[in-house]
N, C-alpha and C. Protein backbone atom coordinates (compact mmCIF):
# COMPACT_ATOMS: atom_id res chain seq x y z
N MET A 1 24.19 41.22 -124.03
CA MET A 1 23.15 41.66 -124.93
C MET A 1 22.05 40.59 -125.06
N LEU A 2 22.44 39.30 -125.20
CA LEU A 2 21.46 38.23 -125.32
C LEU A 2 20.60 38.13 -124.07
N ALA A 3 21.20 38.34 -122.93
CA ALA A 3 20.44 38.27 -121.68
C ALA A 3 19.37 39.35 -121.64
N VAL A 4 19.67 40.52 -122.12
CA VAL A 4 18.70 41.62 -122.15
C VAL A 4 17.56 41.28 -123.09
N LEU A 5 17.88 40.72 -124.27
CA LEU A 5 16.84 40.33 -125.21
C LEU A 5 15.97 39.22 -124.64
N ALA A 6 16.56 38.26 -123.97
CA ALA A 6 15.80 37.16 -123.39
C ALA A 6 14.82 37.66 -122.33
N LEU A 7 15.23 38.68 -121.57
CA LEU A 7 14.34 39.24 -120.55
C LEU A 7 13.26 40.10 -121.16
N ALA A 8 13.55 40.76 -122.27
CA ALA A 8 12.59 41.68 -122.89
C ALA A 8 11.60 40.95 -123.79
N LEU A 9 11.95 39.80 -124.32
CA LEU A 9 11.10 39.09 -125.27
C LEU A 9 9.70 38.83 -124.74
N PRO A 10 9.51 38.30 -123.54
CA PRO A 10 8.16 38.07 -123.06
C PRO A 10 7.34 39.35 -122.96
N LEU A 11 7.96 40.47 -122.71
CA LEU A 11 7.24 41.73 -122.60
C LEU A 11 6.83 42.24 -123.97
N ALA A 12 7.56 41.86 -125.03
CA ALA A 12 7.28 42.34 -126.36
C ALA A 12 6.22 41.52 -127.08
N LEU A 13 5.95 40.32 -126.61
CA LEU A 13 4.98 39.48 -127.29
C LEU A 13 3.57 39.84 -126.87
N PRO A 14 2.68 39.98 -127.84
CA PRO A 14 1.29 40.31 -127.51
C PRO A 14 0.58 39.08 -126.97
N PRO A 15 -0.53 39.29 -126.26
CA PRO A 15 -1.31 38.16 -125.80
C PRO A 15 -1.88 37.40 -127.00
N VAL A 16 -2.04 36.09 -126.86
CA VAL A 16 -2.66 35.26 -127.87
C VAL A 16 -3.99 34.81 -127.30
N GLY A 17 -5.09 35.27 -127.91
CA GLY A 17 -6.40 34.94 -127.36
C GLY A 17 -6.47 35.49 -125.95
N ASN A 18 -6.82 34.63 -125.00
CA ASN A 18 -6.85 35.06 -123.61
C ASN A 18 -5.60 34.59 -122.87
N LEU A 19 -4.56 34.16 -123.63
CA LEU A 19 -3.32 33.70 -123.03
C LEU A 19 -2.24 34.76 -123.23
N THR A 20 -1.38 34.90 -122.28
CA THR A 20 -0.20 35.72 -122.44
C THR A 20 0.99 34.80 -122.55
N PHE A 21 2.16 35.35 -122.83
CA PHE A 21 3.36 34.56 -123.02
C PHE A 21 3.63 33.64 -121.83
N ALA A 22 3.40 34.11 -120.63
CA ALA A 22 3.76 33.36 -119.43
C ALA A 22 2.69 32.35 -119.01
N GLN A 23 1.49 32.40 -119.63
CA GLN A 23 0.43 31.51 -119.22
C GLN A 23 0.42 30.25 -120.07
N THR A 24 -0.19 29.22 -119.55
CA THR A 24 -0.40 28.00 -120.32
C THR A 24 -1.89 27.82 -120.51
N ALA A 25 -2.25 26.98 -121.46
CA ALA A 25 -3.67 26.71 -121.71
C ALA A 25 -4.27 26.02 -120.50
N PRO A 26 -5.54 26.31 -120.21
CA PRO A 26 -6.18 25.64 -119.08
C PRO A 26 -6.32 24.15 -119.36
N GLU A 27 -6.33 23.36 -118.31
CA GLU A 27 -6.48 21.92 -118.47
C GLU A 27 -7.88 21.61 -118.98
N ALA A 28 -7.97 20.57 -119.79
CA ALA A 28 -9.26 20.15 -120.33
C ALA A 28 -10.14 19.62 -119.21
N GLU A 29 -11.43 19.79 -119.39
CA GLU A 29 -12.38 19.26 -118.43
C GLU A 29 -12.29 17.73 -118.43
N PRO A 30 -12.37 17.10 -117.28
CA PRO A 30 -12.35 15.63 -117.27
C PRO A 30 -13.58 15.09 -118.00
N GLU A 31 -13.40 13.99 -118.69
CA GLU A 31 -14.49 13.37 -119.43
C GLU A 31 -15.07 12.21 -118.63
N ASP A 32 -16.28 11.83 -118.99
CA ASP A 32 -16.88 10.62 -118.44
C ASP A 32 -17.59 9.92 -119.59
N PRO A 33 -18.03 8.69 -119.39
CA PRO A 33 -18.62 7.92 -120.50
C PRO A 33 -19.78 8.61 -121.21
N SER A 34 -20.48 9.50 -120.53
CA SER A 34 -21.65 10.14 -121.15
C SER A 34 -21.28 11.06 -122.32
N ILE A 35 -20.00 11.33 -122.52
CA ILE A 35 -19.59 12.15 -123.66
C ILE A 35 -19.77 11.38 -124.96
N LEU A 36 -19.83 10.05 -124.88
CA LEU A 36 -20.06 9.20 -126.04
C LEU A 36 -21.54 8.86 -126.14
N PRO A 37 -22.02 8.55 -127.36
CA PRO A 37 -23.44 8.19 -127.50
C PRO A 37 -23.79 6.96 -126.67
N ALA A 38 -25.00 6.97 -126.12
CA ALA A 38 -25.46 5.83 -125.33
C ALA A 38 -25.58 4.60 -126.23
N GLY A 39 -25.30 3.46 -125.66
CA GLY A 39 -25.45 2.22 -126.41
C GLY A 39 -24.58 1.12 -125.82
N ASP A 40 -24.82 -0.08 -126.29
CA ASP A 40 -24.05 -1.23 -125.83
C ASP A 40 -22.58 -1.02 -126.18
N GLY A 41 -21.72 -0.98 -125.19
CA GLY A 41 -20.30 -0.78 -125.40
C GLY A 41 -19.81 0.62 -125.10
N GLN A 42 -20.72 1.51 -124.70
CA GLN A 42 -20.34 2.89 -124.41
C GLN A 42 -19.26 2.97 -123.33
N GLU A 43 -19.50 2.36 -122.19
CA GLU A 43 -18.54 2.44 -121.10
C GLU A 43 -17.26 1.68 -121.42
N GLU A 44 -17.38 0.51 -122.02
CA GLU A 44 -16.19 -0.27 -122.37
C GLU A 44 -15.30 0.52 -123.34
N THR A 45 -15.94 1.14 -124.32
CA THR A 45 -15.20 1.95 -125.29
C THR A 45 -14.54 3.13 -124.60
N PHE A 46 -15.30 3.82 -123.76
CA PHE A 46 -14.76 4.99 -123.07
C PHE A 46 -13.52 4.62 -122.27
N TYR A 47 -13.62 3.60 -121.44
CA TYR A 47 -12.50 3.26 -120.56
C TYR A 47 -11.31 2.67 -121.31
N ALA A 48 -11.57 1.87 -122.34
CA ALA A 48 -10.46 1.30 -123.11
C ALA A 48 -9.72 2.39 -123.89
N CYS A 49 -10.46 3.31 -124.47
CA CYS A 49 -9.84 4.32 -125.33
C CYS A 49 -9.26 5.50 -124.55
N SER A 50 -9.98 5.95 -123.54
CA SER A 50 -9.52 7.13 -122.82
C SER A 50 -8.36 6.83 -121.87
N ALA A 51 -7.96 5.57 -121.79
CA ALA A 51 -6.76 5.24 -121.02
C ALA A 51 -5.53 5.87 -121.68
N CYS A 52 -5.60 6.11 -122.99
CA CYS A 52 -4.44 6.65 -123.72
C CYS A 52 -4.69 8.02 -124.35
N HIS A 53 -5.93 8.34 -124.66
CA HIS A 53 -6.21 9.62 -125.34
C HIS A 53 -7.63 10.06 -125.03
N SER A 54 -7.91 11.32 -125.30
CA SER A 54 -9.26 11.83 -125.06
C SER A 54 -10.22 11.24 -126.10
N THR A 55 -11.49 11.40 -125.85
CA THR A 55 -12.48 10.89 -126.79
C THR A 55 -12.64 11.80 -128.00
N ALA A 56 -12.02 12.97 -127.99
CA ALA A 56 -12.16 13.89 -129.12
C ALA A 56 -11.75 13.23 -130.43
N ILE A 57 -10.68 12.45 -130.40
CA ILE A 57 -10.21 11.80 -131.62
C ILE A 57 -11.23 10.78 -132.12
N ILE A 58 -11.92 10.13 -131.21
CA ILE A 58 -12.96 9.18 -131.59
C ILE A 58 -14.15 9.92 -132.17
N ARG A 59 -14.58 10.96 -131.47
CA ARG A 59 -15.79 11.67 -131.85
C ARG A 59 -15.68 12.38 -133.20
N ARG A 60 -14.47 12.67 -133.64
CA ARG A 60 -14.33 13.32 -134.95
C ARG A 60 -13.98 12.33 -136.06
N SER A 61 -13.90 11.05 -135.72
CA SER A 61 -13.56 10.02 -136.70
C SER A 61 -14.82 9.43 -137.33
N ALA A 62 -14.64 8.85 -138.50
CA ALA A 62 -15.75 8.23 -139.22
C ALA A 62 -15.20 7.08 -140.05
N PHE A 63 -15.02 5.92 -139.41
CA PHE A 63 -14.41 4.78 -140.06
C PHE A 63 -15.41 3.64 -140.23
N THR A 64 -15.13 2.79 -141.17
CA THR A 64 -15.93 1.57 -141.33
C THR A 64 -15.56 0.61 -140.20
N ARG A 65 -16.35 -0.44 -140.06
CA ARG A 65 -16.04 -1.44 -139.04
C ARG A 65 -14.66 -2.04 -139.29
N GLU A 66 -14.35 -2.32 -140.54
CA GLU A 66 -13.05 -2.90 -140.89
C GLU A 66 -11.91 -1.94 -140.54
N GLN A 67 -12.13 -0.64 -140.75
CA GLN A 67 -11.09 0.34 -140.41
C GLN A 67 -10.91 0.44 -138.90
N TRP A 68 -12.01 0.44 -138.14
CA TRP A 68 -11.88 0.46 -136.68
C TRP A 68 -11.14 -0.78 -136.20
N ASP A 69 -11.48 -1.93 -136.77
CA ASP A 69 -10.83 -3.18 -136.37
C ASP A 69 -9.34 -3.13 -136.69
N GLY A 70 -8.98 -2.65 -137.87
CA GLY A 70 -7.58 -2.51 -138.23
C GLY A 70 -6.85 -1.51 -137.35
N LEU A 71 -7.55 -0.48 -136.94
CA LEU A 71 -6.96 0.52 -136.05
C LEU A 71 -6.58 -0.10 -134.71
N MET A 72 -7.38 -1.06 -134.25
CA MET A 72 -7.05 -1.75 -133.00
C MET A 72 -5.70 -2.47 -133.14
N ASP A 73 -5.50 -3.15 -134.28
CA ASP A 73 -4.21 -3.82 -134.52
C ASP A 73 -3.07 -2.81 -134.53
N TRP A 74 -3.27 -1.69 -135.21
CA TRP A 74 -2.24 -0.65 -135.30
C TRP A 74 -1.89 -0.11 -133.92
N MET A 75 -2.91 0.11 -133.08
CA MET A 75 -2.64 0.65 -131.74
C MET A 75 -1.86 -0.34 -130.89
N VAL A 76 -2.15 -1.62 -131.05
CA VAL A 76 -1.39 -2.64 -130.31
C VAL A 76 0.03 -2.72 -130.83
N GLU A 77 0.19 -2.81 -132.14
CA GLU A 77 1.50 -3.02 -132.75
C GLU A 77 2.40 -1.78 -132.69
N LYS A 78 1.84 -0.61 -132.93
CA LYS A 78 2.65 0.60 -133.06
C LYS A 78 2.59 1.54 -131.86
N GLN A 79 1.52 1.47 -131.09
CA GLN A 79 1.34 2.42 -130.00
C GLN A 79 1.44 1.79 -128.61
N GLY A 80 1.61 0.48 -128.55
CA GLY A 80 1.79 -0.18 -127.26
C GLY A 80 0.53 -0.43 -126.47
N MET A 81 -0.62 -0.37 -127.13
CA MET A 81 -1.88 -0.66 -126.43
C MET A 81 -1.91 -2.14 -126.03
N ASN A 82 -2.41 -2.42 -124.85
CA ASN A 82 -2.59 -3.81 -124.45
C ASN A 82 -3.69 -4.43 -125.31
N PRO A 83 -3.46 -5.63 -125.84
CA PRO A 83 -4.51 -6.26 -126.66
C PRO A 83 -5.78 -6.47 -125.84
N LEU A 84 -6.91 -6.30 -126.50
CA LEU A 84 -8.20 -6.52 -125.85
C LEU A 84 -8.59 -7.98 -125.97
N GLU A 85 -9.34 -8.46 -125.00
CA GLU A 85 -9.94 -9.79 -125.11
C GLU A 85 -10.86 -9.78 -126.33
N ALA A 86 -11.01 -10.92 -126.98
CA ALA A 86 -11.79 -10.99 -128.23
C ALA A 86 -13.20 -10.44 -128.09
N ALA A 87 -13.90 -10.81 -127.02
CA ALA A 87 -15.28 -10.35 -126.83
C ALA A 87 -15.32 -8.83 -126.60
N ASP A 88 -14.36 -8.31 -125.83
CA ASP A 88 -14.31 -6.86 -125.57
C ASP A 88 -14.01 -6.11 -126.86
N ARG A 89 -13.05 -6.62 -127.62
CA ARG A 89 -12.68 -5.97 -128.88
C ARG A 89 -13.88 -5.94 -129.83
N ARG A 90 -14.57 -7.04 -129.96
CA ARG A 90 -15.74 -7.11 -130.84
C ARG A 90 -16.79 -6.09 -130.41
N GLN A 91 -17.06 -6.01 -129.10
CA GLN A 91 -18.06 -5.08 -128.60
C GLN A 91 -17.64 -3.63 -128.87
N ILE A 92 -16.38 -3.30 -128.64
CA ILE A 92 -15.89 -1.94 -128.85
C ILE A 92 -15.89 -1.58 -130.33
N VAL A 93 -15.41 -2.49 -131.17
CA VAL A 93 -15.39 -2.21 -132.61
C VAL A 93 -16.82 -2.06 -133.13
N ASP A 94 -17.74 -2.92 -132.68
CA ASP A 94 -19.14 -2.79 -133.09
C ASP A 94 -19.70 -1.44 -132.66
N TYR A 95 -19.41 -1.04 -131.43
CA TYR A 95 -19.89 0.26 -130.93
C TYR A 95 -19.34 1.40 -131.78
N LEU A 96 -18.03 1.39 -132.02
CA LEU A 96 -17.41 2.45 -132.80
C LEU A 96 -17.97 2.51 -134.21
N ALA A 97 -18.15 1.35 -134.84
CA ALA A 97 -18.68 1.32 -136.20
C ALA A 97 -20.12 1.83 -136.25
N GLN A 98 -20.90 1.52 -135.23
CA GLN A 98 -22.29 1.96 -135.20
C GLN A 98 -22.40 3.47 -134.99
N HIS A 99 -21.62 4.00 -134.06
CA HIS A 99 -21.77 5.40 -133.69
C HIS A 99 -20.78 6.35 -134.38
N PHE A 100 -19.70 5.81 -134.90
CA PHE A 100 -18.68 6.65 -135.53
C PHE A 100 -18.26 6.04 -136.87
N GLY A 101 -19.27 5.61 -137.61
CA GLY A 101 -19.04 5.06 -138.95
C GLY A 101 -18.97 6.17 -139.98
N PRO A 102 -18.78 5.80 -141.23
CA PRO A 102 -18.70 6.81 -142.30
C PRO A 102 -19.95 7.67 -142.33
N ARG A 103 -19.74 8.93 -142.58
CA ARG A 103 -20.85 9.89 -142.69
C ARG A 103 -21.12 10.16 -144.16
N ALA A 104 -22.37 10.36 -144.47
CA ALA A 104 -22.72 10.71 -145.85
C ALA A 104 -22.31 12.17 -146.09
N SER A 105 -21.70 12.40 -147.21
CA SER A 105 -21.32 13.76 -147.59
C SER A 105 -22.57 14.50 -148.03
N PRO A 106 -22.71 15.77 -147.65
CA PRO A 106 -23.90 16.52 -148.07
C PRO A 106 -23.97 16.69 -149.59
N ARG A 107 -22.83 16.57 -150.26
CA ARG A 107 -22.81 16.73 -151.72
C ARG A 107 -22.57 15.40 -152.43
N GLY A 108 -22.72 14.32 -151.75
CA GLY A 108 -22.49 13.02 -152.37
C GLY A 108 -21.21 12.38 -151.89
N ARG A 109 -20.78 11.36 -152.58
CA ARG A 109 -19.60 10.58 -152.19
C ARG A 109 -18.33 11.41 -152.34
N ASN A 110 -17.44 11.27 -151.39
CA ASN A 110 -16.15 11.96 -151.44
C ASN A 110 -15.23 11.21 -152.40
N PRO A 111 -14.81 11.83 -153.49
CA PRO A 111 -13.98 11.12 -154.48
C PRO A 111 -12.57 10.83 -153.99
N PHE A 112 -12.14 11.42 -152.88
CA PHE A 112 -10.79 11.22 -152.36
C PHE A 112 -10.70 10.03 -151.42
N LEU A 113 -11.84 9.46 -151.07
CA LEU A 113 -11.85 8.28 -150.19
C LEU A 113 -11.99 7.02 -151.02
N ASN A 114 -11.38 5.95 -150.58
CA ASN A 114 -11.50 4.67 -151.29
C ASN A 114 -12.83 4.03 -151.00
C-alpha cells in the first residue's frame, strides 16, 4: 500500500509556480563585479564575498562600518572564512559601509534598532 501511495504522490501534487514536483528551481545567473555599485573596493569586495555566498545578502544589508567590521570577525571565527590582510579588510569594510550602510527610514528612525 505504501509503495502505491509513494508512486501516486507526485501525480497528486499540483504545480508550484512554474515548477512541478519533479522539477528543481533553475540555477541562478552567474554574477560579476558589476552587480555591486562602482567604487574603490568593488572588485575586491565581490571576489572576497562571493567566494562563499551570492551578493544578494550584501545588497539587502544595511550595516554601519562597525557592524560590517564585526561581521568580518564573525565570518572568520564562526564560518571559516580566511582572514583578510589588514589593507584588504579596511578597503572592503569601507566599501561596504559606503554603499551598504544604514538606510534612512521613510517614516523616521526605526525604534527597534539600537
